[in-house]
Amino acid sequence: MDAHERSQLIKRLVSQVGFERCGIARAMPIARADYVKAWLTNDRAGTMDYMSRYADMRINPTKMLEGARSVIVASLSYNQTAPGQTVVESATSPHGRIAKYAWGDDYHDVLKHKLFAVADELRATLDETFATKVCVDTAPLLEREFAAAAGIGWIGKNTMVLNQAQGSFFFLGAIVTTLELEYDDSVSDHCGSCTACLDACPTDAFPVAYEMDASRCISYLTIEHRSDIPEKLGRRMGDWLFGCDVCQDVCPFNRQASVTNEPRFAPRPPGPSIPVGEVLDWTLEDYRKHLRGSAIKRAKLEMLQRNARIVDENAREKKHEQ
């Protein structure tokens, strides 16, 4: 097969395992390498020290896989509406909201299963030797940069990859490979003059458009930040227990975005929201039982309980003001 035929085969396989979109980019240093280096130098990553580790691999995939020629990027929607009311207030315990991406099964497992299936089928079909590296978030690859290069969408003002039809509520997975493939064109930026995402951010996490200060982001604070959350930022967290969807919820491109067809992303216990009183009472055994197979386990028990205390305090303050 030539590069075109291989690429068409890959896109068919990616579609067959359930991904909505697939694009292919050349394995080369990302166009925004200087921006990423400056972002790290200016401490925009907060306490996520791992972002600086293997920085050369994040910028250049050939450093991660010797002989890499192509990066296959696939997207899978997790967009959905919560059954019933997302946030329920009770007399005894307020509920803390969970970001939409963590309502169902852990996306790492779902995407890896699909991507490994594509890689295995490629090996069974192609009569040639090649190497692959599957990447889903935890590998040192900047998937967003390659998704933009591969035409999956453009990087919006809130630093998320946006697609006119799919919005931004989708996961990205990638296969770095030594195969020579046909590369897709990038797409133009369609954010225009809209600043809805920047204006809506409760913690002012965007110092300028297209740049996030992660140390102020609610998702970072509730999931990645290990120590105490500054009081001023904690008050702005509102009822977010794990993650935040605000900048995506207000994006016009998400108004008509299709709903996911992946059943494993359907809401599962503990659900789109959790009574913070329950979280505060969890033992380590409870934590493991309730969050088995969930992406919420990215946050340790003590972090979730820290977040729960903040949500509870915010709810009490809000009630006092009414």
Protein backbone atom coordinates (compact mmCIF):
# COMPACT_ATOMS: atom_id res chain seq x y z
CA MET A 1 0.00 0.00 0.00
CA ASP A 2 1.09 3.56 -0.61
CA ALA A 3 0.71 6.41 1.90
CA HIS A 4 -2.76 7.34 0.64
CA GLU A 5 -4.08 3.77 0.85
CA ARG A 6 -2.64 3.26 4.33
CA SER A 7 -4.25 6.48 5.51
CA GLN A 8 -7.65 5.51 4.13
CA LEU A 9 -7.36 2.11 5.82
CA ILE A 10 -6.49 3.76 9.13
CA LYS A 11 -9.44 6.14 8.94
CA ARG A 12 -11.81 3.24 8.23
CA LEU A 13 -10.45 1.30 11.20
CA VAL A 14 -10.68 4.33 13.47
CA SER A 15 -14.30 4.83 12.45
CA GLN A 16 -15.13 1.15 12.92
CA VAL A 17 -14.04 1.18 16.57
CA GLY A 18 -16.30 4.16 17.28
CA PHE A 19 -14.30 7.37 16.94
CA GLU A 20 -16.12 10.25 15.24
CA ARG A 21 -13.13 11.94 13.62
CA CYS A 22 -9.63 11.07 12.54
CA GLY A 23 -6.82 13.22 11.25
CA ILE A 24 -3.17 12.56 10.49
CA ALA A 25 -0.29 14.94 11.11
CA ARG A 26 3.39 14.73 10.32
CA ALA A 27 5.55 13.64 13.28
CA MET A 28 7.61 16.77 13.70
CA PRO A 29 8.17 19.48 16.32
CA ILE A 30 4.93 21.33 17.04
CA ALA A 31 4.41 24.75 15.51
CA ARG A 32 3.90 26.36 18.94
CA ALA A 33 7.06 24.95 20.54
CA ASP A 34 8.25 28.40 21.66
CA TYR A 35 4.84 29.13 23.21
CA VAL A 36 4.90 25.87 25.20
CA LYS A 37 8.44 26.51 26.44
CA ALA A 38 7.49 30.03 27.56
CA TRP A 39 4.29 28.70 29.18
CA LEU A 40 6.34 26.29 31.27
CA THR A 41 9.02 28.89 32.07
CA ASN A 42 6.37 31.34 33.29
CA ASP A 43 4.98 28.75 35.74
CA ARG A 44 1.62 28.55 33.98
CA ALA A 45 1.56 24.83 34.81
CA GLY A 46 1.26 25.49 38.54
CA THR A 47 2.51 22.52 40.54
CA MET A 48 2.26 20.12 37.59
CA ASP A 49 6.01 19.55 37.54
CA TYR A 50 5.54 16.53 35.30
CA MET A 51 4.76 18.89 32.45
CA SER A 52 8.39 19.99 32.38
CA ARG A 53 9.67 16.44 32.47
CA TYR A 54 10.21 15.00 29.00
CA ALA A 55 9.43 18.44 27.55
CA ASP A 56 11.46 17.55 24.48
CA MET A 57 9.15 14.58 23.84
CA ARG A 58 6.04 16.72 24.30
CA ILE A 59 7.29 19.10 21.65
CA ASN A 60 8.76 16.52 19.26
CA PRO A 61 7.22 13.01 18.97
CA THR A 62 10.32 11.66 17.23
CA LYS A 63 11.99 11.93 20.64
CA MET A 64 9.36 9.54 22.03
CA LEU A 65 9.37 7.01 19.19
CA GLU A 66 12.52 6.66 17.14
CA GLY A 67 11.82 6.91 13.44
CA ALA A 68 8.31 8.31 13.94
CA ARG A 69 6.83 9.77 10.77
CA SER A 70 3.14 10.22 11.52
CA VAL A 71 0.73 11.04 14.34
CA ILE A 72 -2.79 9.62 13.97
CA VAL A 73 -5.28 11.60 16.07
CA ALA A 74 -8.83 10.45 16.82
CA SER A 75 -11.66 12.19 18.69
CA LEU A 76 -14.51 10.66 20.66
CA SER A 77 -17.39 12.73 22.02
CA TYR A 78 -18.44 12.56 25.66
CA ASN A 79 -21.12 15.22 25.29
CA GLN A 80 -24.37 14.37 27.08
CA THR A 81 -27.05 15.75 29.36
CA ALA A 82 -27.29 14.66 32.95
CA PRO A 83 -30.38 12.62 33.80
CA GLY A 84 -32.67 14.76 35.94
CA GLN A 85 -31.20 17.71 37.77
CA THR A 86 -27.40 17.92 37.80
CA VAL A 87 -27.14 19.79 41.09
CA VAL A 88 -29.45 18.96 43.96
CA GLU A 89 -29.50 20.99 47.13
CA SER A 90 -30.69 19.36 50.33
CA ALA A 91 -31.18 20.53 53.86
CA THR A 92 -28.38 18.29 55.13
CA SER A 93 -25.71 18.37 52.44
CA PRO A 94 -25.11 20.30 49.25
CA HIS A 95 -24.03 18.41 46.16
CA GLY A 96 -20.70 18.90 44.43
CA ARG A 97 -20.62 18.87 40.65
CA ILE A 98 -18.45 16.54 38.59
CA ALA A 99 -17.05 17.61 35.21
CA LYS A 100 -18.86 15.90 32.34
CA TYR A 101 -15.82 13.96 31.16
CA ALA A 102 -15.77 11.96 34.40
CA TRP A 103 -19.45 10.92 34.58
CA GLY A 104 -18.86 7.51 33.05
CA ASP A 105 -16.07 4.96 32.82
CA ASP A 106 -12.47 6.14 32.82
CA TYR A 107 -11.80 7.51 29.33
CA HIS A 108 -8.18 6.35 29.44
CA ASP A 109 -9.34 2.73 29.42
CA VAL A 110 -12.02 3.29 26.76
CA LEU A 111 -9.75 5.13 24.32
CA LYS A 112 -6.74 2.88 24.82
CA HIS A 113 -8.86 -0.20 24.10
CA LYS A 114 -10.02 1.35 20.82
CA LEU A 115 -6.60 2.61 19.75
CA PHE A 116 -4.84 -0.67 20.51
CA ALA A 117 -7.52 -2.41 18.45
CA VAL A 118 -6.68 -0.13 15.51
CA ALA A 119 -2.94 -0.77 15.90
CA ASP A 120 -3.48 -4.54 16.12
CA GLU A 121 -5.66 -4.59 13.01
CA LEU A 122 -3.09 -2.53 11.14
CA ARG A 123 -0.40 -5.09 11.94
CA ALA A 124 -2.69 -7.90 10.82
CA THR A 125 -3.44 -6.12 7.54
CA LEU A 126 -0.20 -4.46 6.45
CA ASP A 127 2.59 -6.64 5.13
CA GLU A 128 5.37 -4.51 6.55
CA THR A 129 7.18 -3.84 9.79
CA PHE A 130 6.40 -0.66 11.69
CA ALA A 131 6.28 0.66 15.26
CA THR A 132 3.44 2.35 17.12
CA LYS A 133 2.98 4.22 20.39
CA VAL A 134 -0.56 4.67 21.72
CA CYS A 135 -1.06 7.93 23.63
CA VAL A 136 -4.06 8.86 25.76
CA ASP A 137 -3.37 11.90 27.91
CA THR A 138 -0.75 10.32 30.17
CA ALA A 139 1.97 9.89 27.51
CA PRO A 140 4.33 12.85 26.90
CA LEU A 141 2.51 14.00 23.77
CA LEU A 142 0.63 17.28 23.34
CA GLU A 143 -2.45 15.75 21.73
CA ARG A 144 -4.16 19.12 21.30
CA GLU A 145 -1.32 20.46 19.18
CA PHE A 146 -1.38 17.45 16.88
CA ALA A 147 -5.19 17.43 16.75
CA ALA A 148 -5.01 20.99 15.44
CA ALA A 149 -2.26 20.09 12.98
CA ALA A 150 -4.30 17.09 11.79
CA GLY A 151 -7.46 19.10 11.14
CA ILE A 152 -9.56 17.71 14.00
CA GLY A 153 -10.27 21.30 14.99
CA TRP A 154 -8.55 24.49 16.07
CA ILE A 155 -7.25 25.49 19.49
CA GLY A 156 -9.77 27.98 20.87
CA LYS A 157 -9.39 30.92 23.19
CA ASN A 158 -9.96 28.63 26.18
CA THR A 159 -7.09 26.40 24.90
CA MET A 160 -9.50 23.55 24.10
CA VAL A 161 -9.65 21.98 20.64
CA LEU A 162 -12.88 23.17 18.98
CA ASN A 163 -14.72 21.66 16.04
CA GLN A 164 -17.62 23.40 14.34
CA ALA A 165 -19.82 20.28 14.41
CA GLN A 166 -18.48 18.48 17.48
CA GLY A 167 -17.91 21.43 19.80
CA SER A 168 -15.26 20.70 22.41
CA PHE A 169 -16.73 17.96 24.60
CA PHE A 170 -14.57 15.23 23.11
CA PHE A 171 -11.56 13.16 24.09
CA LEU A 172 -8.40 12.91 22.03
CA GLY A 173 -6.28 9.84 21.51
CA ALA A 174 -3.25 9.38 19.30
CA ILE A 175 -1.09 6.74 17.69
CA VAL A 176 2.47 7.79 16.91
CA THR A 177 3.87 5.52 14.20
CA THR A 178 6.83 5.01 11.91
CA LEU A 179 4.44 4.52 8.99
CA GLU A 180 4.59 7.10 6.23
CA LEU A 181 1.05 8.39 5.72
CA GLU A 182 -0.90 11.06 3.93
CA TYR A 183 -1.23 14.17 6.07
CA ASP A 184 -4.35 16.26 6.59
CA ASP A 185 -4.59 20.03 6.46
CA SER A 186 -5.23 22.12 9.54
CA VAL A 187 -8.48 24.10 9.80
CA SER A 188 -8.89 27.82 10.36
CA ASP A 189 -9.79 29.43 13.68
CA HIS A 190 -13.52 30.20 13.95
CA CYS A 191 -13.59 31.84 17.40
CA GLY A 192 -13.82 35.27 15.82
CA SER A 193 -14.57 38.08 18.26
CA CYS A 194 -16.33 35.79 20.76
CA THR A 195 -14.96 35.92 24.32
CA ALA A 196 -17.71 33.96 26.09
CA CYS A 197 -15.29 31.41 27.55
CA LEU A 198 -12.88 34.06 28.83
CA ASP A 199 -15.65 36.17 30.37
CA ALA A 200 -17.35 33.22 32.10
CA CYS A 201 -14.32 31.76 33.89
CA PRO A 202 -15.01 32.10 37.64
CA THR A 203 -11.31 32.31 38.55
CA ASP A 204 -10.01 34.47 35.68
CA ALA A 205 -7.75 31.64 34.54
CA PHE A 206 -7.13 33.18 31.11
CA PRO A 207 -4.66 36.09 31.32
CA VAL A 208 -5.06 36.52 27.56
CA ALA A 209 -6.97 34.70 24.86
CA TYR A 210 -5.47 31.34 23.88
CA GLU A 211 -3.47 31.06 27.11
CA MET A 212 -4.47 29.43 30.38
CA ASP A 213 -2.89 30.01 33.76
CA ALA A 214 -3.47 26.48 35.07
CA SER A 215 -2.72 27.56 38.64
CA ARG A 216 -6.03 29.46 38.62
CA CYS A 217 -8.14 26.89 36.76
CA ILE A 218 -10.81 25.07 38.79
CA SER A 219 -10.06 21.79 37.00
CA TYR A 220 -6.41 22.09 37.98
CA LEU A 221 -7.21 23.14 41.55
CA THR A 222 -9.65 20.27 42.17
CA ILE A 223 -7.78 17.51 40.32
CA GLU A 224 -4.05 18.25 40.04
CA HIS A 225 -3.22 20.61 42.91
CA ARG A 226 -2.19 18.52 45.91
CA SER A 227 -1.95 21.10 48.70
CA ASP A 228 -4.37 23.64 50.18
CA ILE A 229 -6.35 25.78 47.75
CA PRO A 230 -5.98 29.54 48.31
CA GLU A 231 -9.09 30.88 50.04
CA LYS A 232 -9.81 33.47 47.35
CA LEU A 233 -9.83 30.83 44.60
CA GLY A 234 -11.72 28.36 46.78
CA ARG A 235 -14.61 30.81 47.13
CA ARG A 236 -14.78 31.06 43.36
CA MET A 237 -14.97 27.29 42.93
CA GLY A 238 -18.68 27.40 43.75
CA ASP A 239 -20.06 23.84 43.80
CA TRP A 240 -17.40 22.19 41.63
CA LEU A 241 -16.10 19.11 43.42
CA PHE A 242 -14.08 17.62 40.55
CA GLY A 243 -13.19 19.55 37.43
CA CYS A 244 -15.12 22.34 35.74
CA ASP A 245 -17.12 22.74 32.51
CA VAL A 246 -17.87 26.47 32.61
CA CYS A 247 -15.74 27.62 29.67
CA GLN A 248 -17.11 24.79 27.53
CA ASP A 249 -20.73 25.19 28.59
CA VAL A 250 -20.82 28.78 27.33
CA CYS A 251 -19.10 28.05 24.00
CA PRO A 252 -21.51 28.58 21.09
CA PHE A 253 -20.07 25.58 19.26
CA ASN A 254 -21.31 23.29 22.04
CA ARG A 255 -24.95 24.37 21.68
CA GLN A 256 -25.63 22.05 18.75
CA ALA A 257 -22.90 19.48 19.37
CA SER A 258 -23.99 15.87 18.92
CA VAL A 259 -24.41 13.57 21.90
CA THR A 260 -21.95 10.75 22.47
CA ASN A 261 -22.74 7.26 21.19
CA GLU A 262 -20.31 5.59 23.57
CA PRO A 263 -22.34 3.74 26.24
CA ARG A 264 -19.37 3.54 28.61
CA PHE A 265 -19.51 7.32 29.03
CA ALA A 266 -23.10 7.24 30.32
CA PRO A 267 -23.45 8.53 33.89
CA ARG A 268 -22.62 5.88 36.47
CA PRO A 269 -22.42 6.05 40.24
CA PRO A 270 -21.46 8.31 41.90
CA GLY A 271 -23.03 10.37 39.08
CA PRO A 272 -22.87 13.95 37.79
CA SER A 273 -23.04 15.26 41.35
CA ILE A 274 -22.26 13.86 44.80
CA PRO A 275 -23.48 14.92 48.26
CA VAL A 276 -20.39 16.42 49.83
CA GLY A 277 -21.37 15.03 53.22
CA GLU A 278 -20.96 11.52 51.80
CA VAL A 279 -17.53 12.36 50.42
CA LEU A 280 -16.44 13.76 53.77
CA ASP A 281 -17.48 10.50 55.43
CA TRP A 282 -15.71 8.23 52.94
CA THR A 283 -13.01 5.92 54.18
CA LEU A 284 -10.25 4.82 51.82
CA GLU A 285 -12.23 1.63 51.22
CA ASP A 286 -15.35 3.68 50.36
CA TYR A 287 -13.32 5.82 47.98
CA ARG A 288 -11.98 2.78 46.15
CA LYS A 289 -15.38 1.09 45.99
CA HIS A 290 -17.31 4.12 44.71
CA LEU A 291 -14.68 5.25 42.20
CA ARG A 292 -13.50 1.93 40.81
CA GLY A 293 -13.07 2.37 37.04
CA SER A 294 -13.71 6.13 37.23
CA ALA A 295 -11.47 8.99 36.11
CA ILE A 296 -12.37 10.74 39.37
CA LYS A 297 -9.68 8.61 41.02
CA ARG A 298 -7.16 11.02 39.53
CA ALA A 299 -7.85 13.04 42.69
CA LYS A 300 -6.79 11.33 45.91
CA LEU A 301 -9.28 10.90 48.75
CA GLU A 302 -7.78 13.72 50.78
CA MET A 303 -8.06 16.04 47.76
CA LEU A 304 -11.72 15.18 47.17
CA GLN A 305 -12.46 15.77 50.85
CA ARG A 306 -10.60 19.09 50.68
CA ASN A 307 -12.78 20.03 47.69
CA ALA A 308 -15.91 18.83 49.50
CA ARG A 309 -15.18 21.08 52.46
CA ILE A 310 -14.82 24.07 50.13
CA VAL A 311 -18.09 23.25 48.32
CA ASP A 312 -19.84 22.90 51.68
CA GLU A 313 -18.45 26.23 52.90
CA ASN A 314 -19.47 27.95 49.66
CA ALA A 315 -22.99 26.54 49.93
CA ARG A 316 -23.32 27.74 53.53
CA GLU A 317 -22.06 31.19 52.59
CA LYS A 318 -24.47 31.37 49.67
CA LYS A 319 -27.38 30.35 51.90
CA HIS A 320 -26.36 32.94 54.51
CA GLU A 321 -26.39 35.67 51.85
CA GLN A 322 -29.91 34.81 50.66
